[in-house]
Amino acid sequence: MSIETGPDLLRRRAEVRGLTGRLRRAVLALANGTGTIISHSEKPWASITFAGSRHRLRIAFTGPEDVEAGEELVAELPEHEFALGGQLVADATITGVEHTMLPEPMLVVDCEILLLEEG
């Protein structure tokens, strides 16, 4: 067993505790805790009256059961009421879906989530 140290450990701990980690866990919870986030980008967003961040996630689901859970994510994400303390989900959109059947079933989901700071 190796012990993590340095910048990688600090980044991983911050991600688990921060807004990014909370958002990732909430999105994966919609897919019964399955799926692997293969990319996640975040950009600040602001209008005249609101400030927040736009998140783009790419999530892979491999195997029949995980693909089914990914399909549930696709169906539920746009209307889901998130609880992200201090943040309001203003928009949640599925921007792409890729299905592959061979060598094993795989689903890749792209989504975009706009978070606004409450208050």
PDB file of N, CA and C in Angstrom:
ATOM      1  N   MET A   1       0.844  -1.175   0.000  1.00  0.00           N
ATOM      2  CA  MET A   1       0.000   0.000   0.000  1.00  0.00           C
ATOM      3  C   MET A   1       0.892   1.243   0.000  1.00  0.00           C
ATOM      4  N   SER A   2       0.588   2.189  -0.890  1.00  0.00           N
ATOM      5  CA  SER A   2       1.361   3.421  -0.939  1.00  0.00           C
ATOM      6  C   SER A   2       0.603   4.540  -0.241  1.00  0.00           C
ATOM      7  N   ILE A   3       1.351   5.475   0.261  1.00  0.00           N
ATOM      8  CA  ILE A   3       0.756   6.625   0.935  1.00  0.00           C
ATOM      9  C   ILE A   3       0.897   7.827   0.023  1.00  0.00           C
ATOM     10  N   GLU A   4      -0.229   8.483  -0.251  1.00  0.00           N
ATOM     11  CA  GLU A   4      -0.209   9.667  -1.109  1.00  0.00           C
ATOM     12  C   GLU A   4       0.294  10.869  -0.325  1.00  0.00           C
ATOM     13  N   THR A   5       1.109  11.663  -0.983  1.00  0.00           N
ATOM     14  CA  THR A   5       1.594  12.893  -0.377  1.00  0.00           C
ATOM     15  C   THR A   5       1.642  13.980  -1.435  1.00  0.00           C
ATOM     16  N   GLY A   6       1.900  15.201  -1.011  1.00  0.00           N
ATOM     17  CA  GLY A   6       2.135  16.297  -1.938  1.00  0.00           C
ATOM     18  C   GLY A   6       0.893  16.845  -2.591  1.00  0.00           C
ATOM     19  N   PRO A   7       1.105  17.497  -3.745  1.00  0.00           N
ATOM     20  CA  PRO A   7       0.015  18.205  -4.424  1.00  0.00           C
ATOM     21  C   PRO A   7      -1.147  17.305  -4.845  1.00  0.00           C
ATOM     22  N   ASP A   8      -0.863  16.062  -5.256  1.00  0.00           N
ATOM     23  CA  ASP A   8      -1.948  15.167  -5.678  1.00  0.00           C
ATOM     24  C   ASP A   8      -2.905  14.883  -4.532  1.00  0.00           C
ATOM     25  N   LEU A   9      -2.354  14.639  -3.351  1.00  0.00           N
ATOM     26  CA  LEU A   9      -3.187  14.373  -2.187  1.00  0.00           C
ATOM     27  C   LEU A   9      -4.011  15.605  -1.821  1.00  0.00           C
ATOM     28  N   LEU A  10      -3.389  16.763  -1.818  1.00  0.00           N
ATOM     29  CA  LEU A  10      -4.113  17.992  -1.487  1.00  0.00           C
ATOM     30  C   LEU A  10      -5.233  18.259  -2.468  1.00  0.00           C
ATOM     31  N   ARG A  11      -4.969  18.049  -3.762  1.00  0.00           N
ATOM     32  CA  ARG A  11      -5.995  18.275  -4.776  1.00  0.00           C
ATOM     33  C   ARG A  11      -7.151  17.293  -4.576  1.00  0.00           C
ATOM     34  N   ARG A  12      -6.848  16.032  -4.321  1.00  0.00           N
ATOM     35  CA  ARG A  12      -7.896  15.018  -4.144  1.00  0.00           C
ATOM     36  C   ARG A  12      -8.744  15.337  -2.907  1.00  0.00           C
ATOM     37  N   ARG A  13      -8.101  15.738  -1.814  1.00  0.00           N
ATOM     38  CA  ARG A  13      -8.858  16.082  -0.603  1.00  0.00           C
ATOM     39  C   ARG A  13      -9.742  17.296  -0.831  1.00  0.00           C
ATOM     40  N   ALA A  14      -9.227  18.313  -1.492  1.00  0.00           N
ATOM     41  CA  ALA A  14     -10.013  19.515  -1.766  1.00  0.00           C
ATOM     42  C   ALA A  14     -11.205  19.172  -2.640  1.00  0.00           C
ATOM     43  N   GLU A  15     -11.004  18.304  -3.621  1.00  0.00           N
ATOM     44  CA  GLU A  15     -12.078  17.930  -4.531  1.00  0.00           C
ATOM     45  C   GLU A  15     -13.186  17.193  -3.779  1.00  0.00           C
ATOM     46  N   VAL A  16     -12.817  16.312  -2.859  1.00  0.00           N
ATOM     47  CA  VAL A  16     -13.810  15.550  -2.118  1.00  0.00           C
ATOM     48  C   VAL A  16     -14.650  16.466  -1.243  1.00  0.00           C
ATOM     49  N   ARG A  17     -14.043  17.489  -0.665  1.00  0.00           N
ATOM     50  CA  ARG A  17     -14.764  18.372   0.242  1.00  0.00           C
ATOM     51  C   ARG A  17     -15.430  19.538  -0.454  1.00  0.00           C
ATOM     52  N   GLY A  18     -14.929  19.962  -1.580  1.00  0.00           N
ATOM     53  CA  GLY A  18     -15.412  21.168  -2.231  1.00  0.00           C
ATOM     54  C   GLY A  18     -16.672  20.974  -3.036  1.00  0.00           C
ATOM     55  N   LEU A  19     -17.082  22.059  -3.647  1.00  0.00           N
ATOM     56  CA  LEU A  19     -18.274  22.055  -4.489  1.00  0.00           C
ATOM     57  C   LEU A  19     -18.150  21.056  -5.625  1.00  0.00           C
ATOM     58  N   THR A  20     -16.983  20.972  -6.234  1.00  0.00           N
ATOM     59  CA  THR A  20     -16.782  20.032  -7.342  1.00  0.00           C
ATOM     60  C   THR A  20     -17.073  18.612  -6.893  1.00  0.00           C
ATOM     61  N   GLY A  21     -16.560  18.239  -5.755  1.00  0.00           N
ATOM     62  CA  GLY A  21     -16.793  16.892  -5.231  1.00  0.00           C
ATOM     63  C   GLY A  21     -18.255  16.643  -4.916  1.00  0.00           C
ATOM     64  N   ARG A  22     -18.907  17.637  -4.323  1.00  0.00           N
ATOM     65  CA  ARG A  22     -20.337  17.487  -4.017  1.00  0.00           C
ATOM     66  C   ARG A  22     -21.155  17.332  -5.281  1.00  0.00           C
ATOM     67  N   LEU A  23     -20.826  18.123  -6.308  1.00  0.00           N
ATOM     68  CA  LEU A  23     -21.549  18.015  -7.568  1.00  0.00           C
ATOM     69  C   LEU A  23     -21.319  16.649  -8.204  1.00  0.00           C
ATOM     70  N   ARG A  24     -20.082  16.197  -8.246  1.00  0.00           N
ATOM     71  CA  ARG A  24     -19.779  14.880  -8.828  1.00  0.00           C
ATOM     72  C   ARG A  24     -20.548  13.773  -8.117  1.00  0.00           C
ATOM     73  N   ARG A  25     -20.534  13.798  -6.791  1.00  0.00           N
ATOM     74  CA  ARG A  25     -21.248  12.754  -6.038  1.00  0.00           C
ATOM     75  C   ARG A  25     -22.752  12.816  -6.311  1.00  0.00           C
ATOM     76  N   ALA A  26     -23.307  14.016  -6.399  1.00  0.00           N
ATOM     77  CA  ALA A  26     -24.744  14.163  -6.651  1.00  0.00           C
ATOM     78  C   ALA A  26     -25.121  13.648  -8.034  1.00  0.00           C
ATOM     79  N   VAL A  27     -24.291  13.933  -9.036  1.00  0.00           N
ATOM     80  CA  VAL A  27     -24.582  13.454 -10.390  1.00  0.00           C
ATOM     81  C   VAL A  27     -24.478  11.937 -10.448  1.00  0.00           C
ATOM     82  N   LEU A  28     -23.423  11.371  -9.873  1.00  0.00           N
ATOM     83  CA  LEU A  28     -23.265   9.916  -9.898  1.00  0.00           C
ATOM     84  C   LEU A  28     -24.349   9.217  -9.076  1.00  0.00           C
ATOM     85  N   ALA A  29     -24.870   9.871  -8.045  1.00  0.00           N
ATOM     86  CA  ALA A  29     -25.959   9.286  -7.257  1.00  0.00           C
ATOM     87  C   ALA A  29     -27.197   9.064  -8.115  1.00  0.00           C
ATOM     88  N   LEU A  30     -27.412   9.930  -9.110  1.00  0.00           N
ATOM     89  CA  LEU A  30     -28.548   9.747 -10.029  1.00  0.00           C
ATOM     90  C   LEU A  30     -28.390   8.481 -10.860  1.00  0.00           C
ATOM     91  N   ALA A  31     -27.163   7.999 -10.974  1.00  0.00           N
ATOM     92  CA  ALA A  31     -26.884   6.770 -11.725  1.00  0.00           C
ATOM     93  C   ALA A  31     -26.548   5.636 -10.761  1.00  0.00           C
ATOM     94  N   ASN A  32     -27.195   5.639  -9.611  1.00  0.00           N
ATOM     95  CA  ASN A  32     -27.009   4.587  -8.604  1.00  0.00           C
ATOM     96  C   ASN A  32     -25.556   4.395  -8.193  1.00  0.00           C
ATOM     97  N   GLY A  33     -24.776   5.470  -8.212  1.00  0.00           N
ATOM     98  CA  GLY A  33     -23.388   5.396  -7.787  1.00  0.00           C
ATOM     99  C   GLY A  33     -22.451   4.746  -8.780  1.00  0.00           C
ATOM    100  N   THR A  34     -22.937   4.463  -9.970  1.00  0.00           N
ATOM    101  CA  THR A  34     -22.095   3.834 -10.990  1.00  0.00           C
ATOM    102  C   THR A  34     -21.536   4.906 -11.916  1.00  0.00           C
ATOM    103  N   GLY A  35     -20.698   4.500 -12.816  1.00  0.00           N
ATOM    104  CA  GLY A  35     -20.120   5.415 -13.782  1.00  0.00           C
ATOM    105  C   GLY A  35     -18.793   5.949 -13.308  1.00  0.00           C
ATOM    106  N   THR A  36     -17.992   6.374 -14.269  1.00  0.00           N
ATOM    107  CA  THR A  36     -16.686   6.946 -14.012  1.00  0.00           C
ATOM    108  C   THR A  36     -16.619   8.296 -14.706  1.00  0.00           C
ATOM    109  N   ILE A  37     -16.327   9.339 -13.958  1.00  0.00           N
ATOM    110  CA  ILE A  37     -16.178  10.660 -14.562  1.00  0.00           C
ATOM    111  C   ILE A  37     -14.821  10.684 -15.241  1.00  0.00           C
ATOM    112  N   ILE A  38     -14.840  10.796 -16.572  1.00  0.00           N
ATOM    113  CA  ILE A  38     -13.577  10.770 -17.317  1.00  0.00           C
ATOM    114  C   ILE A  38     -13.069  12.171 -17.636  1.00  0.00           C
ATOM    115  N   SER A  39     -13.930  13.164 -17.525  1.00  0.00           N
ATOM    116  CA  SER A  39     -13.466  14.546 -17.611  1.00  0.00           C
ATOM    117  C   SER A  39     -14.478  15.454 -16.932  1.00  0.00           C
ATOM    118  N   HIS A  40     -13.954  16.550 -16.407  1.00  0.00           N
ATOM    119  CA  HIS A  40     -14.802  17.541 -15.740  1.00  0.00           C
ATOM    120  C   HIS A  40     -14.101  18.882 -15.876  1.00  0.00           C
ATOM    121  N   SER A  41     -14.784  19.829 -16.500  1.00  0.00           N
ATOM    122  CA  SER A  41     -14.243  21.177 -16.589  1.00  0.00           C
ATOM    123  C   SER A  41     -15.211  22.130 -15.908  1.00  0.00           C
ATOM    124  N   GLU A  42     -14.664  23.200 -15.399  1.00  0.00           N
ATOM    125  CA  GLU A  42     -15.457  24.193 -14.689  1.00  0.00           C
ATOM    126  C   GLU A  42     -14.992  25.575 -15.120  1.00  0.00           C
ATOM    127  N   LYS A  43     -15.960  26.441 -15.449  1.00  0.00           N
ATOM    128  CA  LYS A  43     -15.651  27.816 -15.815  1.00  0.00           C
ATOM    129  C   LYS A  43     -16.538  28.756 -15.017  1.00  0.00           C
ATOM    130  N   PRO A  44     -15.989  29.849 -14.532  1.00  0.00           N
ATOM    131  CA  PRO A  44     -16.821  30.847 -13.858  1.00  0.00           C
ATOM    132  C   PRO A  44     -17.878  31.366 -14.829  1.00  0.00           C
ATOM    133  N   TRP A  45     -19.028  31.724 -14.292  1.00  0.00           N
ATOM    134  CA  TRP A  45     -20.124  32.253 -15.102  1.00  0.00           C
ATOM    135  C   TRP A  45     -20.743  33.408 -14.328  1.00  0.00           C
ATOM    136  N   ALA A  46     -21.127  34.449 -15.035  1.00  0.00           N
ATOM    137  CA  ALA A  46     -21.779  35.577 -14.374  1.00  0.00           C
ATOM    138  C   ALA A  46     -22.690  36.308 -15.346  1.00  0.00           C
ATOM    139  N   SER A  47     -23.736  36.873 -14.805  1.00  0.00           N
ATOM    140  CA  SER A  47     -24.607  37.787 -15.542  1.00  0.00           C
ATOM    141  C   SER A  47     -24.650  39.073 -14.717  1.00  0.00           C
ATOM    142  N   ILE A  48     -25.506  39.984 -15.067  1.00  0.00           N
ATOM    143  CA  ILE A  48     -25.606  41.242 -14.315  1.00  0.00           C
ATOM    144  C   ILE A  48     -26.058  40.977 -12.883  1.00  0.00           C
ATOM    145  N   THR A  49     -26.924  39.975 -12.696  1.00  0.00           N
ATOM    146  CA  THR A  49     -27.497  39.744 -11.370  1.00  0.00           C
ATOM    147  C   THR A  49     -27.039  38.468 -10.674  1.00  0.00           C
ATOM    148  N   PHE A  50     -26.384  37.547 -11.389  1.00  0.00           N
ATOM    149  CA  PHE A  50     -26.018  36.260 -10.797  1.00  0.00           C
ATOM    150  C   PHE A  50     -24.555  35.926 -11.068  1.00  0.00           C
ATOM    151  N   ALA A  51     -23.985  35.120 -10.182  1.00  0.00           N
ATOM    152  CA  ALA A  51     -22.634  34.587 -10.370  1.00  0.00           C
ATOM    153  C   ALA A  51     -22.675  33.094 -10.078  1.00  0.00           C
ATOM    154  N   GLY A  52     -21.803  32.363 -10.728  1.00  0.00           N
ATOM    155  CA  GLY A  52     -21.773  30.927 -10.514  1.00  0.00           C
ATOM    156  C   GLY A  52     -20.701  30.276 -11.362  1.00  0.00           C
ATOM    157  N   SER A  53     -20.967  29.036 -11.750  1.00  0.00           N
ATOM    158  CA  SER A  53     -19.999  28.286 -12.554  1.00  0.00           C
ATOM    159  C   SER A  53     -20.713  27.295 -13.457  1.00  0.00           C
ATOM    160  N   ARG A  54     -20.118  27.085 -14.631  1.00  0.00           N
ATOM    161  CA  ARG A  54     -20.647  26.115 -15.596  1.00  0.00           C
ATOM    162  C   ARG A  54     -19.734  24.895 -15.558  1.00  0.00           C
ATOM    163  N   HIS A  55     -20.340  23.731 -15.355  1.00  0.00           N
ATOM    164  CA  HIS A  55     -19.597  22.472 -15.265  1.00  0.00           C
ATOM    165  C   HIS A  55     -19.946  21.585 -16.457  1.00  0.00           C
ATOM    166  N   ARG A  56     -18.920  21.031 -17.067  1.00  0.00           N
ATOM    167  CA  ARG A  56     -19.101  20.052 -18.146  1.00  0.00           C
ATOM    168  C   ARG A  56     -18.492  18.736 -17.696  1.00  0.00           C
ATOM    169  N   LEU A  57     -19.324  17.685 -17.689  1.00  0.00           N
ATOM    170  CA  LEU A  57     -18.873  16.375 -17.255  1.00  0.00           C
ATOM    171  C   LEU A  57     -19.039  15.369 -18.378  1.00  0.00           C
ATOM    172  N   ARG A  58     -18.100  14.451 -18.462  1.00  0.00           N
ATOM    173  CA  ARG A  58     -18.169  13.322 -19.385  1.00  0.00           C
ATOM    174  C   ARG A  58     -18.054  12.078 -18.517  1.00  0.00           C
ATOM    175  N   ILE A  59     -19.080  11.224 -18.568  1.00  0.00           N
ATOM    176  CA  ILE A  59     -19.182  10.080 -17.661  1.00  0.00           C
ATOM    177  C   ILE A  59     -19.337   8.800 -18.484  1.00  0.00           C
ATOM    178  N   ALA A  60     -18.518   7.799 -18.159  1.00  0.00           N
ATOM    179  CA  ALA A  60     -18.565   6.516 -18.873  1.00  0.00           C
ATOM    180  C   ALA A  60     -19.221   5.458 -17.990  1.00  0.00           C
ATOM    181  N   PHE A  61     -20.063   4.643 -18.614  1.00  0.00           N
ATOM    182  CA  PHE A  61     -20.732   3.528 -17.960  1.00  0.00           C
ATOM    183  C   PHE A  61     -20.410   2.270 -18.760  1.00  0.00           C
ATOM    184  N   THR A  62     -19.866   1.246 -18.109  1.00  0.00           N
ATOM    185  CA  THR A  62     -19.444   0.031 -18.795  1.00  0.00           C
ATOM    186  C   THR A  62     -20.153  -1.173 -18.202  1.00  0.00           C
ATOM    187  N   GLY A  63     -20.689  -2.021 -19.057  1.00  0.00           N
ATOM    188  CA  GLY A  63     -21.418  -3.205 -18.624  1.00  0.00           C
ATOM    189  C   GLY A  63     -22.907  -2.948 -18.633  1.00  0.00           C
ATOM    190  N   PRO A  64     -23.701  -4.015 -18.800  1.00  0.00           N
ATOM    191  CA  PRO A  64     -25.154  -3.857 -18.946  1.00  0.00           C
ATOM    192  C   PRO A  64     -25.837  -3.114 -17.796  1.00  0.00           C
ATOM    193  N   GLU A  65     -25.496  -3.447 -16.545  1.00  0.00           N
ATOM    194  CA  GLU A  65     -26.149  -2.796 -15.410  1.00  0.00           C
ATOM    195  C   GLU A  65     -25.762  -1.325 -15.312  1.00  0.00           C
ATOM    196  N   ASP A  66     -24.483  -1.035 -15.531  1.00  0.00           N
ATOM    197  CA  ASP A  66     -24.036   0.357 -15.450  1.00  0.00           C
ATOM    198  C   ASP A  66     -24.617   1.189 -16.591  1.00  0.00           C
ATOM    199  N   VAL A  67     -24.724   0.598 -17.775  1.00  0.00           N
ATOM    200  CA  VAL A  67     -25.325   1.312 -18.909  1.00  0.00           C
ATOM    201  C   VAL A  67     -26.781   1.655 -18.586  1.00  0.00           C
ATOM    202  N   GLU A  68     -27.483   0.727 -17.977  1.00  0.00           N
ATOM    203  CA  GLU A  68     -28.876   0.992 -17.591  1.00  0.00           C
ATOM    204  C   GLU A  68     -28.943   2.141 -16.585  1.00  0.00           C
ATOM    205  N   ALA A  69     -28.018   2.161 -15.630  1.00  0.00           N
ATOM    206  CA  ALA A  69     -27.974   3.254 -14.651  1.00  0.00           C
ATOM    207  C   ALA A  69     -27.644   4.576 -15.349  1.00  0.00           C
ATOM    208  N   GLY A  70     -26.767   4.547 -16.348  1.00  0.00           N
ATOM    209  CA  GLY A  70     -26.448   5.743 -17.120  1.00  0.00           C
ATOM    210  C   GLY A  70     -27.649   6.263 -17.885  1.00  0.00           C
ATOM    211  N   GLU A  71     -28.461   5.352 -18.386  1.00  0.00           N
ATOM    212  CA  GLU A  71     -29.680   5.761 -19.079  1.00  0.00           C
ATOM    213  C   GLU A  71     -30.655   6.431 -18.114  1.00  0.00           C
ATOM    214  N   GLU A  72     -30.674   5.973 -16.851  1.00  0.00           N
ATOM    215  CA  GLU A  72     -31.497   6.636 -15.831  1.00  0.00           C
ATOM    216  C   GLU A  72     -30.993   8.062 -15.595  1.00  0.00           C
ATOM    217  N   LEU A  73     -29.676   8.234 -15.578  1.00  0.00           N
ATOM    218  CA  LEU A  73     -29.100   9.574 -15.428  1.00  0.00           C
ATOM    219  C   LEU A  73     -29.561  10.483 -16.560  1.00  0.00           C
ATOM    220  N   VAL A  74     -29.514   9.979 -17.780  1.00  0.00           N
ATOM    221  CA  VAL A  74     -29.933  10.763 -18.948  1.00  0.00           C
ATOM    222  C   VAL A  74     -31.395  11.193 -18.794  1.00  0.00           C
ATOM    223  N   ALA A  75     -32.241  10.291 -18.304  1.00  0.00           N
ATOM    224  CA  ALA A  75     -33.663  10.598 -18.169  1.00  0.00           C
ATOM    225  C   ALA A  75     -33.939  11.573 -17.021  1.00  0.00           C
ATOM    226  N   GLU A  76     -33.195  11.466 -15.921  1.00  0.00           N
ATOM    227  CA  GLU A  76     -33.519  12.227 -14.711  1.00  0.00           C
ATOM    228  C   GLU A  76     -32.791  13.551 -14.561  1.00  0.00           C
ATOM    229  N   LEU A  77     -31.596  13.689 -15.106  1.00  0.00           N
ATOM    230  CA  LEU A  77     -30.769  14.866 -14.839  1.00  0.00           C
ATOM    231  C   LEU A  77     -31.465  16.202 -15.120  1.00  0.00           C
ATOM    232  N   PRO A  78     -32.096  16.390 -16.283  1.00  0.00           N
ATOM    233  CA  PRO A  78     -32.650  17.725 -16.577  1.00  0.00           C
ATOM    234  C   PRO A  78     -33.689  18.232 -15.578  1.00  0.00           C
ATOM    235  N   GLU A  79     -34.414  17.341 -14.915  1.00  0.00           N
ATOM    236  CA  GLU A  79     -35.478  17.755 -13.996  1.00  0.00           C
ATOM    237  C   GLU A  79     -35.120  17.531 -12.530  1.00  0.00           C
ATOM    238  N   HIS A  80     -33.939  17.018 -12.252  1.00  0.00           N
ATOM    239  CA  HIS A  80     -33.576  16.668 -10.877  1.00  0.00           C
ATOM    240  C   HIS A  80     -33.381  17.905 -10.004  1.00  0.00           C
ATOM    241  N   GLU A  81     -33.872  17.840  -8.770  1.00  0.00           N
ATOM    242  CA  GLU A  81     -33.702  18.906  -7.785  1.00  0.00           C
ATOM    243  C   GLU A  81     -32.475  18.570  -6.942  1.00  0.00           C
ATOM    244  N   PHE A  82     -31.366  19.248  -7.185  1.00  0.00           N
ATOM    245  CA  PHE A  82     -30.135  19.010  -6.446  1.00  0.00           C
ATOM    246  C   PHE A  82     -30.157  19.761  -5.118  1.00  0.00           C
ATOM    247  N   ALA A  83     -29.464  19.208  -4.115  1.00  0.00           N
ATOM    248  CA  ALA A  83     -29.255  19.877  -2.831  1.00  0.00           C
ATOM    249  C   ALA A  83     -27.750  20.072  -2.671  1.00  0.00           C
ATOM    250  N   LEU A  84     -27.267  21.244  -3.047  1.00  0.00           N
ATOM    251  CA  LEU A  84     -25.829  21.520  -3.030  1.00  0.00           C
ATOM    252  C   LEU A  84     -25.506  22.723  -2.154  1.00  0.00           C
ATOM    253  N   GLY A  85     -26.104  22.842  -1.013  1.00  0.00           N
ATOM    254  CA  GLY A  85     -25.853  23.900  -0.061  1.00  0.00           C
ATOM    255  C   GLY A  85     -25.163  25.150  -0.592  1.00  0.00           C
ATOM    256  N   GLY A  86     -25.896  26.226  -0.692  1.00  0.00           N
ATOM    257  CA  GLY A  86     -25.343  27.492  -1.157  1.00  0.00           C
ATOM    258  C   GLY A  86     -25.307  27.646  -2.661  1.00  0.00           C
ATOM    259  N   GLN A  87     -25.743  26.618  -3.380  1.00  0.00           N
ATOM    260  CA  GLN A  87     -25.743  26.640  -4.842  1.00  0.00           C
ATOM    261  C   GLN A  87     -27.127  26.243  -5.355  1.00  0.00           C
ATOM    262  N   LEU A  88     -27.512  26.856  -6.436  1.00  0.00           N
ATOM    263  CA  LEU A  88     -28.770  26.537  -7.109  1.00  0.00           C
ATOM    264  C   LEU A  88     -28.430  26.032  -8.499  1.00  0.00           C
ATOM    265  N   VAL A  89     -29.003  24.900  -8.879  1.00  0.00           N
ATOM    266  CA  VAL A  89     -28.801  24.400 -10.236  1.00  0.00           C
ATOM    267  C   VAL A  89     -29.792  25.121 -11.136  1.00  0.00           C
ATOM    268  N   ALA A  90     -29.273  26.024 -11.956  1.00  0.00           N
ATOM    269  CA  ALA A  90     -30.119  26.817 -12.847  1.00  0.00           C
ATOM    270  C   ALA A  90     -30.448  26.055 -14.123  1.00  0.00           C
ATOM    271  N   ASP A  91     -29.544  25.167 -14.534  1.00  0.00           N
ATOM    272  CA  ASP A  91     -29.749  24.413 -15.770  1.00  0.00           C
ATOM    273  C   ASP A  91     -28.913  23.146 -15.720  1.00  0.00           C
ATOM    274  N   ALA A  92     -29.507  22.048 -16.122  1.00  0.00           N
ATOM    275  CA  ALA A  92     -28.801  20.768 -16.233  1.00  0.00           C
ATOM    276  C   ALA A  92     -29.242  20.130 -17.541  1.00  0.00           C
ATOM    277  N   THR A  93     -28.284  19.929 -18.434  1.00  0.00           N
ATOM    278  CA  THR A  93     -28.596  19.478 -19.787  1.00  0.00           C
ATOM    279  C   THR A  93     -27.711  18.315 -20.188  1.00  0.00           C
ATOM    280  N   ILE A  94     -28.308  17.341 -20.857  1.00  0.00           N
ATOM    281  CA  ILE A  94     -27.535  16.270 -21.485  1.00  0.00           C
ATOM    282  C   ILE A  94     -27.133  16.806 -22.864  1.00  0.00           C
ATOM    283  N   THR A  95     -25.834  16.878 -23.132  1.00  0.00           N
ATOM    284  CA  THR A  95     -25.364  17.445 -24.400  1.00  0.00           C
ATOM    285  C   THR A  95     -24.888  16.391 -25.383  1.00  0.00           C
ATOM    286  N   GLY A  96     -24.767  15.153 -24.931  1.00  0.00           N
ATOM    287  CA  GLY A  96     -24.352  14.091 -25.845  1.00  0.00           C
ATOM    288  C   GLY A  96     -24.447  12.730 -25.192  1.00  0.00           C
ATOM    289  N   VAL A  97     -24.743  11.720 -26.012  1.00  0.00           N
ATOM    290  CA  VAL A  97     -24.822  10.338 -25.548  1.00  0.00           C
ATOM    291  C   VAL A  97     -24.233   9.465 -26.638  1.00  0.00           C
ATOM    292  N   GLU A  98     -23.296   8.600 -26.257  1.00  0.00           N
ATOM    293  CA  GLU A  98     -22.696   7.648 -27.200  1.00  0.00           C
ATOM    294  C   GLU A  98     -22.892   6.240 -26.665  1.00  0.00           C
ATOM    295  N   HIS A  99     -23.480   5.360 -27.484  1.00  0.00           N
ATOM    296  CA  HIS A  99     -23.668   3.957 -27.135  1.00  0.00           C
ATOM    297  C   HIS A  99     -22.700   3.105 -27.951  1.00  0.00           C
ATOM    298  N   THR A 100     -22.077   2.141 -27.296  1.00  0.00           N
ATOM    299  CA  THR A 100     -21.244   1.148 -27.968  1.00  0.00           C
ATOM    300  C   THR A 100     -21.670  -0.217 -27.453  1.00  0.00           C
ATOM    301  N   MET A 101     -21.810  -1.194 -28.323  1.00  0.00           N
ATOM    302  CA  MET A 101     -22.236  -2.524 -27.892  1.00  0.00           C
ATOM    303  C   MET A 101     -21.092  -3.536 -27.819  1.00  0.00           C
ATOM    304  N   LEU A 102     -20.054  -3.344 -28.619  1.00  0.00           N
ATOM    305  CA  LEU A 102     -18.955  -4.312 -28.643  1.00  0.00           C
ATOM    306  C   LEU A 102     -17.644  -3.631 -28.320  1.00  0.00           C
ATOM    307  N   PRO A 103     -16.735  -4.209 -27.620  1.00  0.00           N
ATOM    308  CA  PRO A 103     -16.728  -5.588 -27.129  1.00  0.00           C
ATOM    309  C   PRO A 103     -17.662  -5.819 -25.948  1.00  0.00           C
ATOM    310  N   GLU A 104     -18.062  -4.765 -25.236  1.00  0.00           N
ATOM    311  CA  GLU A 104     -19.095  -4.879 -24.209  1.00  0.00           C
ATOM    312  C   GLU A 104     -19.904  -3.587 -24.207  1.00  0.00           C
ATOM    313  N   PRO A 105     -21.130  -3.654 -23.693  1.00  0.00           N
ATOM    314  CA  PRO A 105     -21.961  -2.445 -23.701  1.00  0.00           C
ATOM    315  C   PRO A 105     -21.279  -1.295 -22.953  1.00  0.00           C
ATOM    316  N   MET A 106     -21.318  -0.131 -23.579  1.00  0.00           N
ATOM    317  CA  MET A 106     -20.739   1.061 -22.964  1.00  0.00           C
ATOM    318  C   MET A 106     -21.582   2.263 -23.347  1.00  0.00           C
ATOM    319  N   LEU A 107     -21.731   3.172 -22.399  1.00  0.00           N
ATOM    320  CA  LEU A 107     -22.475   4.406 -22.607  1.00  0.00           C
ATOM    321  C   LEU A 107     -21.592   5.551 -22.112  1.00  0.00           C
ATOM    322  N   VAL A 108     -21.445   6.581 -22.928  1.00  0.00           N
ATOM    323  CA  VAL A 108     -20.722   7.777 -22.514  1.00  0.00           C
ATOM    324  C   VAL A 108     -21.699   8.939 -22.584  1.00  0.00           C
ATOM    325  N   VAL A 109     -21.831   9.642 -21.465  1.00  0.00           N
ATOM    326  CA  VAL A 109     -22.791  10.738 -21.337  1.00  0.00           C
ATOM    327  C   VAL A 109     -22.033  12.037 -21.127  1.00  0.00           C
ATOM    328  N   ASP A 110     -22.381  13.046 -21.910  1.00  0.00           N
ATOM    329  CA  ASP A 110     -21.858  14.397 -21.723  1.00  0.00           C
ATOM    330  C   ASP A 110     -22.989  15.246 -21.161  1.00  0.00           C
ATOM    331  N   CYS A 111     -22.683  16.005 -20.108  1.00  0.00           N
ATOM    332  CA  CYS A 111     -23.703  16.886 -19.545  1.00  0.00           C
ATOM    333  C   CYS A 111     -23.083  18.207 -19.141  1.00  0.00           C
ATOM    334  N   GLU A 112     -23.943  19.192 -19.023  1.00  0.00           N
ATOM    335  CA  GLU A 112     -23.545  20.540 -18.650  1.00  0.00           C
ATOM    336  C   GLU A 112     -24.477  21.011 -17.540  1.00  0.00           C
ATOM    337  N   ILE A 113     -23.881  21.547 -16.478  1.00  0.00           N
ATOM    338  CA  ILE A 113     -24.667  21.983 -15.332  1.00  0.00           C
ATOM    339  C   ILE A 113     -24.242  23.408 -14.963  1.00  0.00           C
ATOM    340  N   LEU A 114     -25.210  24.296 -14.879  1.00  0.00           N
ATOM    341  CA  LEU A 114     -24.956  25.672 -14.497  1.00  0.00           C
ATOM    342  C   LEU A 114     -25.368  25.854 -13.041  1.00  0.00           C
ATOM    343  N   LEU A 115     -24.386  26.204 -12.207  1.00  0.00           N
ATOM    344  CA  LEU A 115     -24.641  26.448 -10.789  1.00  0.00           C
ATOM    345  C   LEU A 115     -24.599  27.948 -10.526  1.00  0.00           C
ATOM    346  N   LEU A 116     -25.545  28.422  -9.734  1.00  0.00           N
ATOM    347  CA  LEU A 116     -25.575  29.824  -9.323  1.00  0.00           C
ATOM    348  C   LEU A 116     -25.432  29.900  -7.811  1.00  0.00           C
ATOM    349  N   GLU A 117     -24.677  30.879  -7.364  1.00  0.00           N
ATOM    350  CA  GLU A 117     -24.506  31.081  -5.929  1.00  0.00           C
ATOM    351  C   GLU A 117     -25.791  31.638  -5.358  1.00  0.00           C
ATOM    352  N   GLU A 118     -26.258  31.026  -4.271  1.00  0.00           N
ATOM    353  CA  GLU A 118     -27.468  31.510  -3.609  1.00  0.00           C
ATOM    354  C   GLU A 118     -27.129  32.664  -2.682  1.00  0.00           C
ATOM    355  N   GLY A 119     -28.059  33.593  -2.595  1.00  0.00           N
ATOM    356  CA  GLY A 119     -27.895  34.664  -1.625  1.00  0.00           C
ATOM    357  C   GLY A 119     -27.446  35.940  -2.122  1.00  0.00           C
TER     358      GLY A 119
END
